Amino acid sequence: MVMDRSTATLLCTALVICGCVGGRETYNVAPFQSISSIEAFVGDYENRSRPNRATTQQYLSDLIWAYPPRGELIEVIQVRSAGPQTLVVRALDANGAEVKASTFENGKDFHVRNGAIHIRSWTQGGMTGLYPMGPMAVTTHTTVSLGLDPDGNAQQVQEELSAGVWIIVPFTGSKARGQRFARIKK
C-alpha cells in the first residue's frame, strides 16, 4: 500500500494529537504467589529452566550469584531458612556434592517486593537514525525478579519498559518474559 503525502501527514497529525502509541508483549509469565514470609522460598529447585518458544534456557544459579559456578555443573539449588529474614542457598552437583553456598539476608542482600525477590534493575537509553524512518530516541528500564508461580515453582520474570520519541510521535511499550525452575517434589 502506497500512501500519498496528504494521507501520511493526516496520519502523523492524528498520532501527535492523540498522544502516544503503546504496546505490551508477554511470554510465559504467571502471576507471582502472594507470600507472607521469605520461608515460602524454602525448597529444592532444578537449576535449569524449562525454555519455551520465546525464551532460551537459563540457570537459576546465574540469577542468584554475581559470580556463579558453571551452570551446567549444577543440578539442584537448595534453599533453607536460617531465620525469619535469612536464606541459605546451596548449589549441588549431580552427586549431591556442594559446589557453592551463600547466606542471603532480606533487606541487605535482596529485597522482597510484591511477593518476589527483586534481583536487579538497570536503565539504558540511546538514539538512532533508522533511515529511512527518521530519528528515534528510546529509554528502556529493565527489572529482573524471582518469585513463585501458582504451582510453587521458582519463576524468573524480566520486564522491560520502554519510552521514546519517533520523529515527533511519543511511544511506550513493555515486554515481560518468564522462565520457570521446577520445584523438586520429595
Protein backbone atom coordinates (compact mmCIF):
# COMPACT_ATOMS: atom_id res chain seq x y z
CA MET A 1 0.00 0.00 0.00
CA VAL A 2 1.42 3.37 -1.02
CA MET A 3 0.34 6.42 0.97
CA ASP A 4 0.20 9.82 -0.62
CA ARG A 5 1.69 12.79 1.19
CA SER A 6 -1.65 14.20 2.47
CA THR A 7 -2.69 10.83 3.96
CA ALA A 8 0.69 10.42 5.67
CA THR A 9 0.51 13.98 7.04
CA LEU A 10 -3.02 13.41 8.32
CA LEU A 11 -1.98 10.12 9.99
CA CYS A 12 1.06 11.69 11.68
CA THR A 13 -1.01 14.66 12.84
CA ALA A 14 -3.63 12.32 14.31
CA LEU A 15 -0.94 10.36 16.19
CA VAL A 16 0.58 13.54 17.64
CA ILE A 17 -2.82 14.89 18.68
CA CYS A 18 -3.84 11.57 20.26
CA GLY A 19 -0.75 11.50 22.46
CA CYS A 20 1.26 8.37 22.08
CA VAL A 21 1.42 4.88 20.65
CA GLY A 22 1.88 1.91 23.00
CA GLY A 23 2.01 -1.85 23.16
CA ARG A 24 2.58 -4.80 25.54
CA GLU A 25 4.07 -8.24 24.92
CA THR A 26 4.06 -11.08 27.49
CA TYR A 27 5.57 -14.58 27.22
CA ASN A 28 5.30 -17.42 29.77
CA VAL A 29 4.57 -15.15 32.75
CA ALA A 30 2.22 -16.24 35.54
CA PRO A 31 1.29 -14.04 38.50
CA PHE A 32 3.59 -14.43 41.49
CA GLN A 33 2.16 -16.19 44.55
CA SER A 34 1.35 -13.94 47.46
CA ILE A 35 3.84 -14.83 50.18
CA SER A 36 3.70 -13.97 53.87
CA SER A 37 7.40 -14.64 54.56
CA ILE A 38 10.59 -15.47 52.71
CA GLU A 39 10.32 -19.00 54.12
CA ALA A 40 7.90 -19.68 51.24
CA PHE A 41 11.02 -20.00 49.05
CA VAL A 42 12.41 -22.90 51.10
CA GLY A 43 12.76 -25.99 48.91
CA ASP A 44 14.83 -27.63 46.21
CA TYR A 45 14.70 -26.41 42.60
CA GLU A 46 16.07 -27.60 39.27
CA ASN A 47 18.94 -25.35 38.20
CA ARG A 48 17.96 -25.46 34.51
CA SER A 49 14.89 -23.57 33.34
CA ARG A 50 12.27 -25.04 31.09
CA PRO A 51 12.51 -22.85 27.99
CA ASN A 52 9.65 -22.17 25.60
CA ARG A 53 9.29 -20.62 22.14
CA ALA A 54 10.09 -17.11 23.42
CA THR A 55 12.97 -17.87 25.80
CA THR A 56 16.26 -19.74 25.92
CA GLN A 57 17.48 -21.97 28.73
CA GLN A 58 18.75 -20.16 31.78
CA TYR A 59 20.39 -21.28 35.03
CA LEU A 60 18.90 -20.33 38.39
CA SER A 61 22.44 -20.16 39.78
CA ASP A 62 23.19 -17.29 37.35
CA LEU A 63 20.34 -15.28 38.91
CA ILE A 64 21.39 -15.99 42.49
CA TRP A 65 25.13 -15.31 42.42
CA ALA A 66 27.02 -12.40 40.90
CA TYR A 67 29.91 -14.83 40.22
CA PRO A 68 28.15 -18.17 39.76
CA PRO A 69 29.79 -21.54 39.22
CA ARG A 70 29.32 -23.01 35.74
CA GLY A 71 25.58 -23.66 35.45
CA GLU A 72 25.90 -26.95 33.62
CA LEU A 73 27.75 -28.43 36.63
CA ILE A 74 24.82 -27.71 38.97
CA GLU A 75 21.71 -29.90 39.12
CA VAL A 76 19.88 -28.59 42.19
CA ILE A 77 19.52 -25.28 44.02
CA GLN A 78 18.68 -25.92 47.66
CA VAL A 79 17.08 -23.10 49.70
CA ARG A 80 16.84 -23.34 53.51
CA SER A 81 15.76 -20.89 56.18
CA ALA A 82 18.32 -19.59 58.67
CA GLY A 83 15.89 -17.25 60.44
CA PRO A 84 12.86 -15.12 59.60
CA GLN A 85 14.82 -12.85 57.21
CA THR A 86 17.70 -15.10 56.16
CA LEU A 87 18.04 -17.79 53.47
CA VAL A 88 20.92 -20.23 52.95
CA VAL A 89 21.28 -21.20 49.29
CA ARG A 90 23.39 -24.15 48.15
CA ALA A 91 24.27 -25.29 44.63
CA LEU A 92 24.56 -29.09 44.37
CA ASP A 93 26.00 -31.19 41.55
CA ALA A 94 24.52 -34.45 40.19
CA ASN A 95 26.10 -36.42 43.08
CA GLY A 96 24.67 -34.08 45.73
CA ALA A 97 28.06 -32.51 46.48
CA GLU A 98 28.03 -28.81 47.35
CA VAL A 99 29.51 -26.61 44.61
CA LYS A 100 28.73 -23.24 46.21
CA ALA A 101 26.81 -21.94 49.24
CA SER A 102 25.85 -18.46 50.45
CA THR A 103 23.71 -16.84 53.10
CA PHE A 104 21.41 -14.01 51.99
CA GLU A 105 19.57 -11.56 54.24
CA ASN A 106 16.35 -9.77 53.27
CA GLY A 107 16.86 -6.01 53.28
CA LYS A 108 20.62 -6.34 52.88
CA ASP A 109 21.37 -8.78 50.05
CA PHE A 110 17.92 -8.70 48.40
CA HIS A 111 14.53 -7.02 48.78
CA VAL A 112 11.12 -8.68 48.62
CA ARG A 113 8.54 -6.61 46.74
CA ASN A 114 5.06 -7.72 45.66
CA GLY A 115 5.74 -11.36 46.53
CA ALA A 116 9.03 -11.58 44.63
CA ILE A 117 12.73 -11.14 45.28
CA HIS A 118 13.98 -8.09 43.38
CA ILE A 119 17.28 -9.21 41.87
CA ARG A 120 18.47 -6.26 39.79
CA SER A 121 17.37 -3.43 37.56
CA TRP A 122 19.03 -1.05 35.13
CA THR A 123 18.18 1.73 32.71
CA GLN A 124 19.72 2.35 29.32
CA GLY A 125 18.98 4.77 26.53
CA GLY A 126 20.06 5.66 23.09
CA MET A 127 19.41 7.40 19.84
CA THR A 128 19.25 6.01 16.33
CA GLY A 129 18.72 7.29 12.80
CA LEU A 130 16.71 4.33 11.48
CA TYR A 131 17.00 5.52 7.90
CA PRO A 132 14.55 5.98 6.11
CA MET A 133 12.12 6.13 9.05
CA GLY A 134 13.69 9.10 10.79
CA PRO A 135 15.32 9.71 14.17
CA MET A 136 14.26 7.87 17.32
CA ALA A 137 15.29 8.30 20.97
CA VAL A 138 14.50 5.47 23.40
CA THR A 139 15.00 4.77 27.11
CA THR A 140 14.44 1.26 28.49
CA HIS A 141 14.21 0.24 32.15
CA THR A 142 14.72 -3.48 32.86
CA THR A 143 13.81 -5.28 36.10
CA VAL A 144 14.58 -8.90 36.99
CA SER A 145 12.58 -10.57 39.78
CA LEU A 146 12.36 -14.09 41.18
CA GLY A 147 9.18 -15.38 42.79
CA LEU A 148 6.94 -18.42 42.98
CA ASP A 149 4.40 -19.26 40.31
CA PRO A 150 0.92 -20.55 41.28
CA ASP A 151 2.26 -24.16 41.32
CA GLY A 152 5.13 -23.31 43.71
CA ASN A 153 7.90 -23.43 41.09
CA ALA A 154 10.53 -20.70 41.03
CA GLN A 155 9.74 -18.15 38.31
CA GLN A 156 12.10 -15.51 36.98
CA VAL A 157 10.48 -12.55 35.23
CA GLN A 158 12.39 -9.97 33.20
CA GLU A 159 10.28 -6.93 32.44
CA GLU A 160 11.32 -4.15 30.08
CA LEU A 161 9.52 -0.81 29.96
CA SER A 162 10.43 1.49 27.08
CA ALA A 163 9.51 5.05 26.20
CA GLY A 164 10.72 7.21 23.39
CA VAL A 165 10.03 9.58 20.55
CA TRP A 166 9.99 8.72 16.85
CA ILE A 167 10.35 11.92 14.81
CA ILE A 168 7.77 13.84 16.95
CA VAL A 169 5.48 10.94 17.98
CA PRO A 170 5.87 9.68 21.58
CA PHE A 171 5.56 5.95 22.17
CA THR A 172 5.69 3.43 25.01
CA GLY A 173 5.98 -0.31 25.17
CA SER A 174 6.62 -3.12 27.58
CA LYS A 175 7.72 -6.71 27.38
CA ALA A 176 7.76 -9.41 30.06
CA ARG A 177 9.36 -12.83 29.70
CA GLY A 178 9.28 -15.60 32.25
CA GLN A 179 11.38 -18.66 32.98
CA ARG A 180 10.37 -21.48 35.31
CA PHE A 181 12.62 -23.61 37.50
CA ALA A 182 10.70 -26.67 38.71
CA ARG A 183 10.42 -27.28 42.43
CA ILE A 184 11.62 -30.80 43.15
CA LYS A 185 8.96 -32.79 44.96
CA LYS A 186 10.17 -35.13 47.68
